[in-house]
N, C-alpha and C. Protein backbone atom coordinates (compact mmCIF):
# COMPACT_ATOMS: atom_id res chain seq x y z
N MET A 1 -11.62 47.02 -110.38
CA MET A 1 -11.32 46.61 -109.01
C MET A 1 -11.46 45.09 -108.88
N ILE A 2 -10.40 44.42 -108.41
CA ILE A 2 -10.46 42.98 -108.18
C ILE A 2 -11.16 42.72 -106.86
N LEU A 3 -12.12 41.79 -106.87
CA LEU A 3 -12.88 41.51 -105.66
C LEU A 3 -12.10 40.65 -104.69
N THR A 4 -12.26 40.96 -103.41
CA THR A 4 -11.67 40.14 -102.35
C THR A 4 -12.62 38.99 -102.04
N ASP A 5 -12.21 38.12 -101.13
CA ASP A 5 -13.05 36.98 -100.76
C ASP A 5 -14.43 37.42 -100.26
N ARG A 6 -14.46 38.43 -99.39
CA ARG A 6 -15.74 38.91 -98.85
C ARG A 6 -16.59 39.51 -99.95
N GLN A 7 -15.97 40.25 -100.87
CA GLN A 7 -16.72 40.89 -101.95
C GLN A 7 -17.26 39.86 -102.95
N ILE A 8 -16.50 38.78 -103.18
CA ILE A 8 -17.00 37.71 -104.05
C ILE A 8 -18.26 37.10 -103.46
N LEU A 9 -18.23 36.85 -102.15
CA LEU A 9 -19.39 36.27 -101.48
C LEU A 9 -20.58 37.22 -101.55
N GLU A 10 -20.34 38.51 -101.32
CA GLU A 10 -21.42 39.51 -101.37
C GLU A 10 -22.00 39.60 -102.79
N ALA A 11 -21.12 39.60 -103.80
CA ALA A 11 -21.59 39.68 -105.19
C ALA A 11 -22.43 38.46 -105.55
N HIS A 12 -22.06 37.31 -105.01
CA HIS A 12 -22.85 36.11 -105.26
C HIS A 12 -24.21 36.21 -104.56
N GLN A 13 -24.21 36.73 -103.36
CA GLN A 13 -25.45 36.83 -102.60
C GLN A 13 -26.44 37.83 -103.20
N ASN A 14 -25.91 38.90 -103.82
CA ASN A 14 -26.82 39.89 -104.42
C ASN A 14 -27.11 39.61 -105.90
N GLY A 15 -26.56 38.51 -106.44
CA GLY A 15 -26.88 38.11 -107.80
C GLY A 15 -26.01 38.70 -108.89
N GLY A 16 -25.00 39.49 -108.52
CA GLY A 16 -24.11 40.05 -109.53
C GLY A 16 -23.23 38.99 -110.16
N ILE A 17 -22.81 38.02 -109.35
CA ILE A 17 -22.02 36.88 -109.82
C ILE A 17 -22.72 35.62 -109.34
N VAL A 18 -23.21 34.82 -110.28
CA VAL A 18 -23.89 33.57 -109.93
C VAL A 18 -23.00 32.39 -110.33
N ILE A 19 -22.73 31.52 -109.37
CA ILE A 19 -21.92 30.33 -109.61
C ILE A 19 -22.70 29.13 -109.11
N LYS A 20 -22.92 28.14 -109.99
CA LYS A 20 -23.66 26.94 -109.61
C LYS A 20 -22.87 25.69 -109.99
N PRO A 21 -22.59 24.79 -109.04
CA PRO A 21 -22.84 24.92 -107.60
C PRO A 21 -21.84 25.87 -106.94
N PHE A 22 -22.31 26.59 -105.94
CA PHE A 22 -21.46 27.54 -105.23
C PHE A 22 -21.10 26.95 -103.87
N GLU A 23 -19.81 26.98 -103.54
CA GLU A 23 -19.34 26.51 -102.23
C GLU A 23 -18.33 27.51 -101.69
N GLU A 24 -18.56 27.96 -100.47
CA GLU A 24 -17.68 28.97 -99.88
C GLU A 24 -16.24 28.50 -99.76
N LYS A 25 -16.04 27.18 -99.62
CA LYS A 25 -14.67 26.67 -99.48
C LYS A 25 -13.84 26.91 -100.75
N GLN A 26 -14.51 27.18 -101.87
CA GLN A 26 -13.80 27.43 -103.12
C GLN A 26 -13.30 28.87 -103.22
N ILE A 27 -13.74 29.72 -102.29
CA ILE A 27 -13.30 31.12 -102.31
C ILE A 27 -11.90 31.23 -101.72
N GLN A 28 -11.03 31.87 -102.46
CA GLN A 28 -9.66 32.15 -102.01
C GLN A 28 -9.57 33.64 -101.68
N PRO A 29 -8.41 34.14 -101.21
CA PRO A 29 -8.31 35.55 -100.80
C PRO A 29 -8.82 36.56 -101.84
N ALA A 30 -8.57 36.30 -103.13
CA ALA A 30 -9.06 37.23 -104.16
C ALA A 30 -9.47 36.49 -105.43
N THR A 31 -9.78 35.19 -105.30
CA THR A 31 -10.20 34.40 -106.46
C THR A 31 -11.24 33.37 -106.02
N TYR A 32 -11.82 32.71 -107.02
CA TYR A 32 -12.71 31.57 -106.78
C TYR A 32 -12.19 30.42 -107.61
N ASP A 33 -12.01 29.25 -106.99
CA ASP A 33 -11.46 28.09 -107.70
C ASP A 33 -12.58 27.29 -108.36
N LEU A 34 -12.41 27.06 -109.67
CA LEU A 34 -13.35 26.23 -110.43
C LEU A 34 -12.80 24.82 -110.56
N ARG A 35 -13.71 23.84 -110.70
CA ARG A 35 -13.32 22.44 -110.69
C ARG A 35 -13.54 21.75 -112.04
N VAL A 36 -12.86 20.63 -112.20
CA VAL A 36 -12.99 19.82 -113.42
C VAL A 36 -14.40 19.27 -113.50
N GLY A 37 -15.05 19.47 -114.64
CA GLY A 37 -16.43 19.03 -114.82
C GLY A 37 -16.53 17.63 -115.40
N GLU A 38 -17.72 17.32 -115.94
CA GLU A 38 -18.01 15.96 -116.39
C GLU A 38 -17.48 15.63 -117.78
N GLN A 39 -17.29 16.64 -118.63
CA GLN A 39 -16.92 16.35 -120.01
C GLN A 39 -15.48 16.73 -120.32
N GLY A 40 -14.83 15.89 -121.11
CA GLY A 40 -13.48 16.19 -121.56
C GLY A 40 -13.09 15.25 -122.68
N GLY A 41 -11.98 15.57 -123.32
CA GLY A 41 -11.47 14.71 -124.38
C GLY A 41 -10.06 15.11 -124.73
N CYS A 42 -9.28 14.16 -125.27
CA CYS A 42 -7.88 14.40 -125.62
C CYS A 42 -7.61 14.02 -127.06
N THR A 43 -6.61 14.64 -127.64
CA THR A 43 -6.24 14.32 -129.01
C THR A 43 -5.59 12.94 -129.12
N SER A 44 -5.03 12.43 -128.02
CA SER A 44 -4.39 11.10 -128.08
C SER A 44 -5.41 9.98 -128.22
N THR A 45 -6.57 10.11 -127.56
CA THR A 45 -7.61 9.08 -127.64
C THR A 45 -8.66 9.41 -128.69
N LYS A 46 -8.77 10.70 -129.02
CA LYS A 46 -9.71 11.17 -130.04
C LYS A 46 -11.16 10.78 -129.73
N LYS A 47 -11.52 10.89 -128.45
CA LYS A 47 -12.91 10.61 -128.08
C LYS A 47 -13.26 11.36 -126.80
N LEU A 48 -14.58 11.56 -126.60
CA LEU A 48 -15.05 12.22 -125.39
C LEU A 48 -14.99 11.26 -124.22
N VAL A 49 -14.79 11.83 -123.03
CA VAL A 49 -14.72 11.04 -121.81
C VAL A 49 -15.70 11.61 -120.80
N ASN A 50 -16.49 10.73 -120.16
CA ASN A 50 -17.31 11.14 -119.03
C ASN A 50 -16.41 11.08 -117.80
N ILE A 51 -15.86 12.24 -117.43
CA ILE A 51 -14.85 12.28 -116.36
C ILE A 51 -15.45 11.86 -115.02
N ARG A 52 -16.72 12.16 -114.81
CA ARG A 52 -17.36 11.77 -113.55
C ARG A 52 -17.39 10.26 -113.42
N GLU A 53 -17.70 9.54 -114.51
CA GLU A 53 -17.77 8.08 -114.46
C GLU A 53 -16.38 7.44 -114.39
N VAL A 54 -15.44 7.96 -115.19
CA VAL A 54 -14.09 7.40 -115.23
C VAL A 54 -13.30 7.79 -113.99
N GLY A 55 -13.54 9.00 -113.49
CA GLY A 55 -12.83 9.48 -112.31
C GLY A 55 -11.76 10.51 -112.61
N TYR A 56 -11.28 10.54 -113.85
CA TYR A 56 -10.22 11.48 -114.22
C TYR A 56 -10.09 11.53 -115.74
N LEU A 57 -9.39 12.57 -116.21
CA LEU A 57 -9.02 12.67 -117.62
C LEU A 57 -7.51 12.59 -117.68
N LEU A 58 -6.97 11.65 -118.46
CA LEU A 58 -5.52 11.45 -118.53
C LEU A 58 -4.96 12.10 -119.78
N LEU A 59 -4.00 13.01 -119.57
CA LEU A 59 -3.33 13.68 -120.69
C LEU A 59 -1.97 13.04 -120.90
N GLN A 60 -1.78 12.45 -122.08
CA GLN A 60 -0.50 11.86 -122.42
C GLN A 60 0.50 12.97 -122.75
N PRO A 61 1.81 12.65 -122.78
CA PRO A 61 2.81 13.67 -123.14
C PRO A 61 2.46 14.34 -124.47
N GLY A 62 2.41 15.65 -124.48
CA GLY A 62 2.09 16.40 -125.68
C GLY A 62 0.62 16.49 -126.00
N ASP A 63 -0.22 15.91 -125.15
CA ASP A 63 -1.66 15.87 -125.40
C ASP A 63 -2.29 17.26 -125.32
N PHE A 64 -3.31 17.46 -126.17
CA PHE A 64 -4.17 18.63 -126.05
C PHE A 64 -5.55 18.14 -125.62
N ALA A 65 -6.07 18.73 -124.57
CA ALA A 65 -7.37 18.31 -124.04
C ALA A 65 -8.33 19.49 -123.99
N VAL A 66 -9.62 19.17 -124.08
CA VAL A 66 -10.68 20.16 -123.90
C VAL A 66 -11.52 19.70 -122.71
N VAL A 67 -11.72 20.59 -121.74
CA VAL A 67 -12.40 20.23 -120.49
C VAL A 67 -13.44 21.28 -120.14
N THR A 68 -14.59 20.84 -119.65
CA THR A 68 -15.60 21.77 -119.15
C THR A 68 -15.44 21.93 -117.65
N THR A 69 -15.83 23.08 -117.15
CA THR A 69 -15.82 23.28 -115.70
C THR A 69 -17.07 22.67 -115.08
N LEU A 70 -16.97 22.28 -113.83
CA LEU A 70 -18.14 21.78 -113.11
C LEU A 70 -19.14 22.90 -112.91
N GLU A 71 -18.61 24.09 -112.63
CA GLU A 71 -19.46 25.22 -112.30
C GLU A 71 -20.01 25.94 -113.54
N GLU A 72 -21.21 26.39 -113.39
CA GLU A 72 -21.88 27.25 -114.38
C GLU A 72 -21.83 28.67 -113.84
N ILE A 73 -21.44 29.62 -114.69
CA ILE A 73 -21.23 31.00 -114.24
C ILE A 73 -22.19 31.94 -114.98
N ARG A 74 -22.71 32.90 -114.24
CA ARG A 74 -23.50 33.97 -114.84
C ARG A 74 -23.04 35.30 -114.26
N LEU A 75 -22.59 36.20 -115.14
CA LEU A 75 -22.12 37.51 -114.70
C LEU A 75 -23.12 38.59 -115.14
N SER A 76 -23.40 39.52 -114.24
CA SER A 76 -24.22 40.67 -114.63
C SER A 76 -23.34 41.60 -115.46
N PRO A 77 -23.93 42.59 -116.16
CA PRO A 77 -23.14 43.52 -116.97
C PRO A 77 -22.15 44.35 -116.15
N GLN A 78 -22.25 44.28 -114.82
CA GLN A 78 -21.38 45.07 -113.95
C GLN A 78 -20.07 44.36 -113.63
N TYR A 79 -19.96 43.07 -114.00
CA TYR A 79 -18.78 42.28 -113.60
C TYR A 79 -18.12 41.60 -114.80
N ALA A 80 -16.80 41.43 -114.67
CA ALA A 80 -16.02 40.66 -115.64
C ALA A 80 -15.10 39.73 -114.86
N GLY A 81 -14.56 38.74 -115.52
CA GLY A 81 -13.66 37.81 -114.85
C GLY A 81 -12.43 37.51 -115.69
N ARG A 82 -11.39 37.09 -115.03
CA ARG A 82 -10.17 36.63 -115.70
C ARG A 82 -9.73 35.35 -115.01
N PHE A 83 -9.39 34.33 -115.82
CA PHE A 83 -9.06 33.05 -115.22
C PHE A 83 -7.75 32.49 -115.76
N GLY A 84 -7.17 31.58 -114.99
CA GLY A 84 -5.94 30.92 -115.38
C GLY A 84 -5.81 29.59 -114.66
N LEU A 85 -4.91 28.77 -115.15
CA LEU A 85 -4.67 27.47 -114.54
C LEU A 85 -4.04 27.65 -113.17
N ARG A 86 -4.48 26.85 -112.21
CA ARG A 86 -3.89 26.92 -110.87
C ARG A 86 -2.42 26.53 -110.92
N SER A 87 -1.64 27.12 -110.03
CA SER A 87 -0.19 26.93 -110.06
C SER A 87 0.21 25.47 -109.85
N LYS A 88 -0.59 24.71 -109.10
CA LYS A 88 -0.23 23.30 -108.85
C LYS A 88 -0.22 22.51 -110.15
N HIS A 89 -1.05 22.89 -111.11
CA HIS A 89 -1.07 22.22 -112.40
C HIS A 89 -0.02 22.81 -113.34
N ALA A 90 0.20 24.11 -113.24
CA ALA A 90 1.23 24.75 -114.07
C ALA A 90 2.60 24.19 -113.72
N ARG A 91 2.82 23.91 -112.44
CA ARG A 91 4.12 23.34 -112.02
C ARG A 91 4.31 21.92 -112.54
N LYS A 92 3.21 21.25 -112.88
CA LYS A 92 3.31 19.91 -113.46
C LYS A 92 3.60 19.94 -114.96
N GLY A 93 3.57 21.15 -115.54
CA GLY A 93 3.87 21.27 -116.97
C GLY A 93 2.66 21.44 -117.85
N LEU A 94 1.49 21.72 -117.25
CA LEU A 94 0.28 21.96 -118.04
C LEU A 94 0.13 23.45 -118.32
N ILE A 95 -0.45 23.78 -119.47
CA ILE A 95 -0.77 25.18 -119.77
C ILE A 95 -2.20 25.24 -120.30
N ALA A 96 -2.89 26.32 -119.94
CA ALA A 96 -4.24 26.56 -120.46
C ALA A 96 -4.10 27.41 -121.72
N THR A 97 -4.75 26.99 -122.78
CA THR A 97 -4.58 27.67 -124.07
C THR A 97 -5.83 28.42 -124.51
N THR A 98 -6.75 28.67 -123.58
CA THR A 98 -7.94 29.47 -123.90
C THR A 98 -8.12 30.54 -122.84
N GLY A 99 -9.00 31.49 -123.16
CA GLY A 99 -9.24 32.57 -122.20
C GLY A 99 -8.33 33.75 -122.50
N PRO A 100 -8.07 34.60 -121.50
CA PRO A 100 -8.41 34.42 -120.09
C PRO A 100 -9.63 35.22 -119.62
N GLN A 101 -10.32 35.94 -120.53
CA GLN A 101 -11.38 36.84 -120.08
C GLN A 101 -12.75 36.20 -120.10
N ILE A 102 -13.55 36.53 -119.07
CA ILE A 102 -14.97 36.20 -119.04
C ILE A 102 -15.70 37.54 -119.13
N ASP A 103 -16.41 37.76 -120.21
CA ASP A 103 -17.01 39.07 -120.46
C ASP A 103 -18.23 39.34 -119.59
N PRO A 104 -18.51 40.63 -119.34
CA PRO A 104 -19.74 40.99 -118.62
C PRO A 104 -20.96 40.42 -119.34
N GLY A 105 -21.90 39.86 -118.58
CA GLY A 105 -23.11 39.30 -119.17
C GLY A 105 -22.99 37.86 -119.59
N TYR A 106 -21.81 37.26 -119.44
CA TYR A 106 -21.62 35.87 -119.87
C TYR A 106 -22.41 34.90 -119.01
N HIS A 107 -22.90 33.84 -119.65
CA HIS A 107 -23.54 32.74 -118.93
C HIS A 107 -23.16 31.42 -119.57
N GLY A 108 -22.72 30.46 -118.75
CA GLY A 108 -22.39 29.12 -119.24
C GLY A 108 -21.27 28.51 -118.43
N ARG A 109 -20.84 27.35 -118.87
CA ARG A 109 -19.66 26.71 -118.29
C ARG A 109 -18.45 27.10 -119.12
N LEU A 110 -17.31 27.24 -118.48
CA LEU A 110 -16.09 27.53 -119.22
C LEU A 110 -15.61 26.26 -119.91
N ILE A 111 -15.19 26.39 -121.15
CA ILE A 111 -14.61 25.29 -121.91
C ILE A 111 -13.14 25.62 -122.12
N VAL A 112 -12.27 24.82 -121.51
CA VAL A 112 -10.86 25.17 -121.41
C VAL A 112 -9.99 24.19 -122.19
N GLY A 113 -9.08 24.72 -122.98
CA GLY A 113 -8.08 23.91 -123.67
C GLY A 113 -6.83 23.80 -122.82
N ILE A 114 -6.32 22.59 -122.66
CA ILE A 114 -5.13 22.36 -121.82
C ILE A 114 -4.14 21.48 -122.59
N THR A 115 -2.87 21.86 -122.55
CA THR A 115 -1.82 21.09 -123.21
C THR A 115 -0.83 20.57 -122.17
N ASN A 116 -0.45 19.31 -122.32
CA ASN A 116 0.55 18.70 -121.45
C ASN A 116 1.91 18.79 -122.13
N LEU A 117 2.78 19.65 -121.60
CA LEU A 117 4.10 19.86 -122.21
C LEU A 117 5.17 18.97 -121.63
N THR A 118 4.80 18.07 -120.73
CA THR A 118 5.78 17.23 -120.06
C THR A 118 5.97 15.89 -120.79
N PRO A 119 7.06 15.17 -120.47
CA PRO A 119 7.29 13.85 -121.09
C PRO A 119 6.59 12.71 -120.34
N ARG A 120 5.66 13.04 -119.45
CA ARG A 120 4.96 12.01 -118.68
C ARG A 120 3.46 12.31 -118.65
N PRO A 121 2.63 11.29 -118.47
CA PRO A 121 1.18 11.51 -118.39
C PRO A 121 0.81 12.32 -117.14
N VAL A 122 -0.22 13.15 -117.28
CA VAL A 122 -0.74 13.94 -116.15
C VAL A 122 -2.25 13.77 -116.11
N SER A 123 -2.81 13.53 -114.93
CA SER A 123 -4.24 13.31 -114.81
C SER A 123 -4.94 14.53 -114.23
N LEU A 124 -6.19 14.73 -114.66
CA LEU A 124 -7.07 15.76 -114.10
C LEU A 124 -8.25 15.04 -113.47
N PRO A 125 -8.26 14.87 -112.15
CA PRO A 125 -9.36 14.17 -111.48
C PRO A 125 -10.66 14.97 -111.53
N TYR A 126 -11.77 14.26 -111.51
CA TYR A 126 -13.08 14.89 -111.48
C TYR A 126 -13.21 15.73 -110.21
N LYS A 127 -13.73 16.94 -110.36
CA LYS A 127 -13.94 17.90 -109.28
C LYS A 127 -12.63 18.45 -108.68
N ASP A 128 -11.52 18.23 -109.36
CA ASP A 128 -10.26 18.79 -108.88
C ASP A 128 -10.23 20.28 -109.17
N ASP A 129 -9.73 21.08 -108.21
CA ASP A 129 -9.57 22.52 -108.44
C ASP A 129 -8.50 22.72 -109.50
N PHE A 130 -8.87 23.29 -110.65
CA PHE A 130 -7.86 23.45 -111.70
C PHE A 130 -7.80 24.86 -112.29
N LEU A 131 -8.82 25.68 -112.05
CA LEU A 131 -8.80 27.06 -112.53
C LEU A 131 -9.05 28.02 -111.37
N SER A 132 -8.40 29.18 -111.43
CA SER A 132 -8.68 30.26 -110.50
C SER A 132 -9.24 31.44 -111.27
N VAL A 133 -10.35 31.98 -110.79
CA VAL A 133 -10.99 33.13 -111.45
C VAL A 133 -10.94 34.34 -110.53
N GLU A 134 -10.47 35.45 -111.06
CA GLU A 134 -10.57 36.71 -110.32
C GLU A 134 -11.68 37.53 -110.96
N PHE A 135 -12.49 38.14 -110.13
CA PHE A 135 -13.62 38.92 -110.61
C PHE A 135 -13.35 40.41 -110.46
N HIS A 136 -13.81 41.17 -111.46
CA HIS A 136 -13.63 42.62 -111.46
C HIS A 136 -14.99 43.29 -111.49
N ARG A 137 -15.17 44.26 -110.60
CA ARG A 137 -16.39 45.07 -110.64
C ARG A 137 -16.10 46.31 -111.47
N LEU A 138 -16.86 46.51 -112.55
CA LEU A 138 -16.64 47.63 -113.46
C LEU A 138 -17.21 48.91 -112.87
N GLU A 139 -16.63 50.04 -113.26
CA GLU A 139 -17.12 51.33 -112.76
C GLU A 139 -18.55 51.58 -113.20
N GLU A 140 -18.90 51.07 -114.36
CA GLU A 140 -20.29 51.14 -114.81
C GLU A 140 -20.60 49.88 -115.61
N ALA A 141 -21.88 49.53 -115.66
CA ALA A 141 -22.29 48.32 -116.35
C ALA A 141 -22.03 48.42 -117.85
N ALA A 142 -21.65 47.32 -118.45
CA ALA A 142 -21.42 47.29 -119.89
C ALA A 142 -22.73 47.54 -120.64
N THR A 143 -22.66 48.35 -121.68
CA THR A 143 -23.87 48.65 -122.46
C THR A 143 -24.17 47.55 -123.47
N LYS A 144 -23.15 46.76 -123.81
CA LYS A 144 -23.33 45.64 -124.73
C LYS A 144 -22.78 44.38 -124.09
N PRO A 145 -23.54 43.75 -123.20
CA PRO A 145 -23.09 42.52 -122.54
C PRO A 145 -22.81 41.43 -123.57
N TYR A 146 -22.03 40.44 -123.15
CA TYR A 146 -21.63 39.35 -124.04
C TYR A 146 -22.84 38.63 -124.63
N SER A 147 -22.79 38.36 -125.93
CA SER A 147 -23.85 37.61 -126.60
C SER A 147 -23.27 36.77 -127.74
N GLY A 148 -22.02 36.31 -127.54
CA GLY A 148 -21.32 35.58 -128.58
C GLY A 148 -21.70 34.11 -128.66
N PRO A 149 -20.93 33.33 -129.42
CA PRO A 149 -21.27 31.92 -129.69
C PRO A 149 -21.21 31.02 -128.47
N TYR A 150 -20.52 31.44 -127.41
CA TYR A 150 -20.41 30.60 -126.22
C TYR A 150 -21.45 30.94 -125.15
N GLN A 151 -22.32 31.88 -125.46
CA GLN A 151 -23.36 32.24 -124.49
C GLN A 151 -24.30 31.06 -124.24
N ASP A 152 -24.59 30.78 -122.98
CA ASP A 152 -25.50 29.70 -122.54
C ASP A 152 -24.97 28.31 -122.88
N LYS A 153 -23.69 28.19 -123.16
CA LYS A 153 -23.12 26.89 -123.51
C LYS A 153 -22.76 26.13 -122.24
N LEU A 154 -23.30 24.92 -122.11
CA LEU A 154 -23.10 24.14 -120.89
C LEU A 154 -22.34 22.84 -121.13
N GLU A 155 -22.10 22.48 -122.39
CA GLU A 155 -21.38 21.24 -122.68
C GLU A 155 -20.59 21.39 -123.97
N LEU A 156 -19.72 20.43 -124.24
CA LEU A 156 -18.92 20.48 -125.45
C LEU A 156 -19.80 20.36 -126.68
N GLY A 157 -19.48 21.15 -127.70
CA GLY A 157 -20.25 21.12 -128.94
C GLY A 157 -19.44 20.57 -130.08
N PRO A 158 -20.00 20.59 -131.30
CA PRO A 158 -19.32 20.04 -132.48
C PRO A 158 -17.93 20.63 -132.72
N GLU A 159 -17.77 21.92 -132.43
CA GLU A 159 -16.48 22.58 -132.66
C GLU A 159 -15.38 21.96 -131.80
N GLU A 160 -15.67 21.76 -130.51
CA GLU A 160 -14.68 21.19 -129.60
C GLU A 160 -14.44 19.70 -129.90
N ILE A 161 -15.50 18.99 -130.23
CA ILE A 161 -15.38 17.57 -130.54
C ILE A 161 -14.53 17.37 -131.79
N GLU A 162 -14.70 18.26 -132.76
CA GLU A 162 -13.92 18.16 -134.00
C GLU A 162 -12.43 18.36 -133.72
N VAL A 163 -12.12 19.25 -132.78
CA VAL A 163 -10.72 19.52 -132.45
C VAL A 163 -10.03 18.27 -131.91
N ILE A 164 -10.70 17.56 -130.99
CA ILE A 164 -10.06 16.39 -130.37
C ILE A 164 -10.21 15.12 -131.21
N ALA A 165 -11.19 15.10 -132.12
CA ALA A 165 -11.43 13.88 -132.92
C ALA A 165 -10.76 13.94 -134.28
N GLU A 166 -10.19 15.07 -134.65
CA GLU A 166 -9.55 15.22 -135.96
C GLU A 166 -8.44 14.21 -136.12
N ARG A 167 -8.47 13.44 -137.21
CA ARG A 167 -7.51 12.36 -137.41
C ARG A 167 -6.47 12.69 -138.47
N GLU A 168 -6.60 13.79 -139.17
CA GLU A 168 -5.63 14.11 -140.20
C GLU A 168 -4.36 14.63 -139.55
N GLY A 169 -3.22 14.07 -139.96
CA GLY A 169 -1.96 14.48 -139.37
C GLY A 169 -1.76 13.83 -138.02
N MET A 170 -0.68 14.20 -137.34
CA MET A 170 -0.36 13.63 -136.04
C MET A 170 -0.53 14.68 -134.96
N ALA A 171 -1.14 14.27 -133.84
CA ALA A 171 -1.24 15.13 -132.68
C ALA A 171 0.14 15.27 -132.06
N LEU A 172 0.34 16.33 -131.27
CA LEU A 172 1.63 16.54 -130.62
C LEU A 172 2.01 15.33 -129.77
N SER A 173 1.00 14.73 -129.10
CA SER A 173 1.28 13.57 -128.26
C SER A 173 1.82 12.42 -129.11
N GLU A 174 1.27 12.25 -130.32
CA GLU A 174 1.72 11.18 -131.20
C GLU A 174 3.14 11.46 -131.72
N VAL A 175 3.42 12.73 -131.98
CA VAL A 175 4.76 13.11 -132.42
C VAL A 175 5.78 12.79 -131.33
N ILE A 176 5.44 13.15 -130.07
CA ILE A 176 6.35 12.90 -128.96
C ILE A 176 6.57 11.40 -128.77
N THR A 177 5.48 10.62 -128.85
CA THR A 177 5.59 9.16 -128.71
C THR A 177 6.49 8.59 -129.81
N THR A 178 6.30 9.08 -131.04
CA THR A 178 7.12 8.61 -132.16
C THR A 178 8.59 8.96 -131.96
N LEU A 179 8.85 10.19 -131.50
CA LEU A 179 10.23 10.61 -131.27
C LEU A 179 10.88 9.80 -130.15
N GLN A 180 10.09 9.50 -129.10
CA GLN A 180 10.62 8.68 -128.01
C GLN A 180 10.97 7.28 -128.50
N SER A 181 10.10 6.72 -129.36
CA SER A 181 10.35 5.40 -129.92
C SER A 181 11.60 5.42 -130.80
N LEU A 182 11.74 6.47 -131.62
CA LEU A 182 12.91 6.60 -132.48
C LEU A 182 14.18 6.73 -131.65
N SER A 183 14.08 7.49 -130.55
CA SER A 183 15.23 7.68 -129.67
C SER A 183 15.70 6.34 -129.09
N LYS A 184 14.72 5.51 -128.66
CA LYS A 184 15.06 4.19 -128.11
C LYS A 184 15.69 3.31 -129.19
N ASN A 185 15.12 3.37 -130.40
CA ASN A 185 15.66 2.55 -131.49
C ASN A 185 17.08 2.96 -131.86
N VAL A 186 17.32 4.27 -131.86
CA VAL A 186 18.67 4.78 -132.17
C VAL A 186 19.65 4.33 -131.10
N ALA A 187 19.21 4.39 -129.83
CA ALA A 187 20.08 3.98 -128.73
C ALA A 187 20.41 2.49 -128.84
N THR A 188 19.41 1.69 -129.19
CA THR A 188 19.62 0.24 -129.35
C THR A 188 20.57 -0.03 -130.51
N LEU A 189 20.36 0.68 -131.62
CA LEU A 189 21.22 0.51 -132.79
C LEU A 189 22.66 0.91 -132.48
N ALA A 190 22.80 2.01 -131.73
CA ALA A 190 24.14 2.48 -131.36
C ALA A 190 24.84 1.44 -130.50
N SER A 191 24.07 0.84 -129.57
CA SER A 191 24.64 -0.20 -128.71
C SER A 191 25.07 -1.41 -129.53
N GLU A 192 24.22 -1.79 -130.50
CA GLU A 192 24.54 -2.94 -131.34
C GLU A 192 25.76 -2.65 -132.22
N MET A 193 25.84 -1.40 -132.71
CA MET A 193 26.99 -1.03 -133.53
C MET A 193 28.27 -1.05 -132.70
N SER A 194 28.15 -0.63 -131.44
CA SER A 194 29.31 -0.64 -130.55
C SER A 194 29.80 -2.06 -130.35
N THR A 195 28.87 -2.97 -130.17
CA THR A 195 29.22 -4.40 -130.01
C THR A 195 29.83 -4.93 -131.30
N PHE A 196 29.26 -4.53 -132.41
CA PHE A 196 29.71 -5.00 -133.73
C PHE A 196 31.16 -4.59 -133.98
N LYS A 197 31.57 -3.44 -133.43
CA LYS A 197 32.92 -2.93 -133.66
C LYS A 197 33.98 -3.86 -133.11
N TRP A 198 33.70 -4.48 -131.95
CA TRP A 198 34.73 -5.39 -131.40
C TRP A 198 34.51 -6.84 -131.80
N VAL A 199 33.27 -7.17 -132.23
CA VAL A 199 33.02 -8.55 -132.67
C VAL A 199 33.70 -8.83 -134.00
N VAL A 200 33.62 -7.88 -134.93
CA VAL A 200 34.21 -8.08 -136.26
C VAL A 200 35.72 -8.31 -136.19
N PRO A 201 36.47 -7.45 -135.47
CA PRO A 201 37.91 -7.72 -135.38
C PRO A 201 38.21 -9.08 -134.74
N LEU A 202 37.40 -9.46 -133.75
CA LEU A 202 37.61 -10.75 -133.10
C LEU A 202 37.42 -11.89 -134.08
N ILE A 203 36.36 -11.79 -134.89
CA ILE A 203 36.10 -12.83 -135.90
C ILE A 203 37.24 -12.90 -136.91
N VAL A 204 37.72 -11.74 -137.33
CA VAL A 204 38.82 -11.69 -138.29
C VAL A 204 40.07 -12.32 -137.69
N THR A 205 40.33 -11.98 -136.41
CA THR A 205 41.52 -12.52 -135.74
C THR A 205 41.44 -14.04 -135.64
N ILE A 206 40.26 -14.53 -135.24
CA ILE A 206 40.07 -15.99 -135.14
C ILE A 206 40.22 -16.64 -136.50
N GLY A 207 39.68 -16.01 -137.54
CA GLY A 207 39.79 -16.55 -138.90
C GLY A 207 41.23 -16.65 -139.36
N ILE A 208 42.00 -15.61 -139.09
CA ILE A 208 43.42 -15.60 -139.47
C ILE A 208 44.17 -16.71 -138.73
N ALA A 209 43.82 -16.86 -137.42
CA ALA A 209 44.48 -17.90 -136.63
C ALA A 209 44.17 -19.28 -137.18
N LEU A 210 42.91 -19.51 -137.56
CA LEU A 210 42.51 -20.80 -138.12
C LEU A 210 43.23 -21.08 -139.43
N ILE A 211 43.35 -20.06 -140.25
CA ILE A 211 44.05 -20.21 -141.53
C ILE A 211 45.50 -20.58 -141.29
N ALA A 212 46.10 -19.90 -140.29
CA ALA A 212 47.51 -20.18 -139.98
C ALA A 212 47.68 -21.62 -139.50
N ILE A 213 46.75 -22.10 -138.69
CA ILE A 213 46.82 -23.47 -138.18
C ILE A 213 46.68 -24.46 -139.32
N ILE A 214 45.74 -24.19 -140.21
CA ILE A 214 45.53 -25.09 -141.36
C ILE A 214 46.77 -25.16 -142.24
N VAL A 215 47.36 -23.98 -142.47
CA VAL A 215 48.58 -23.92 -143.31
C VAL A 215 49.72 -24.70 -142.64
N ALA A 216 49.82 -24.56 -141.30
CA ALA A 216 50.89 -25.23 -140.58
C ALA A 216 50.71 -26.75 -140.63
N LEU A 217 49.49 -27.22 -140.56
CA LEU A 217 49.21 -28.65 -140.60
C LEU A 217 49.55 -29.26 -141.94
N LYS A 218 49.44 -28.47 -143.00
CA LYS A 218 49.78 -28.97 -144.33
C LYS A 218 51.29 -29.14 -144.44
């Protein structure tokens, strides 16, 4: 059963779903909106960014980014969640490449991979609503709540840092930048070749005329 806005609030009040910080304005008709947190990084810059200090995380064309949510979530064994990128970001050409399930018993901040598929930079401002989570109340509590590697994780770890800092090969953003540069160079070369096509005949014509004049003067 997907929880409605009132049920999400009730589940939070009775401790079944704990969200910190919790704000009622983030509750939607059947979802809760999560915000961009303090940590992030992109393959184009290959370094971590304190989004709170900078104000935003900028994704270049083709960039892959890893971002933490502002909110910390704790689910009892009776609840599960499913999340996705908000439509306002999807319409800009971003896609979330992690998830979408939050298992019963999970605790921590969500660590989300995002790719910019557009030919232009896209920014993710600090505390911007970027994920929507729908919560499900299970018919019975899970007998084996989540206890995997992401349990109690509140910040980016070595695994995520390695993904964005890896320097071997070219990131998609670098490939796109290179292709754009090649495209411009080809266009310039084509323009120069077009000019060359009429310059050469003109030079030949002038040369022939000069030869004729010289011959006539003799």
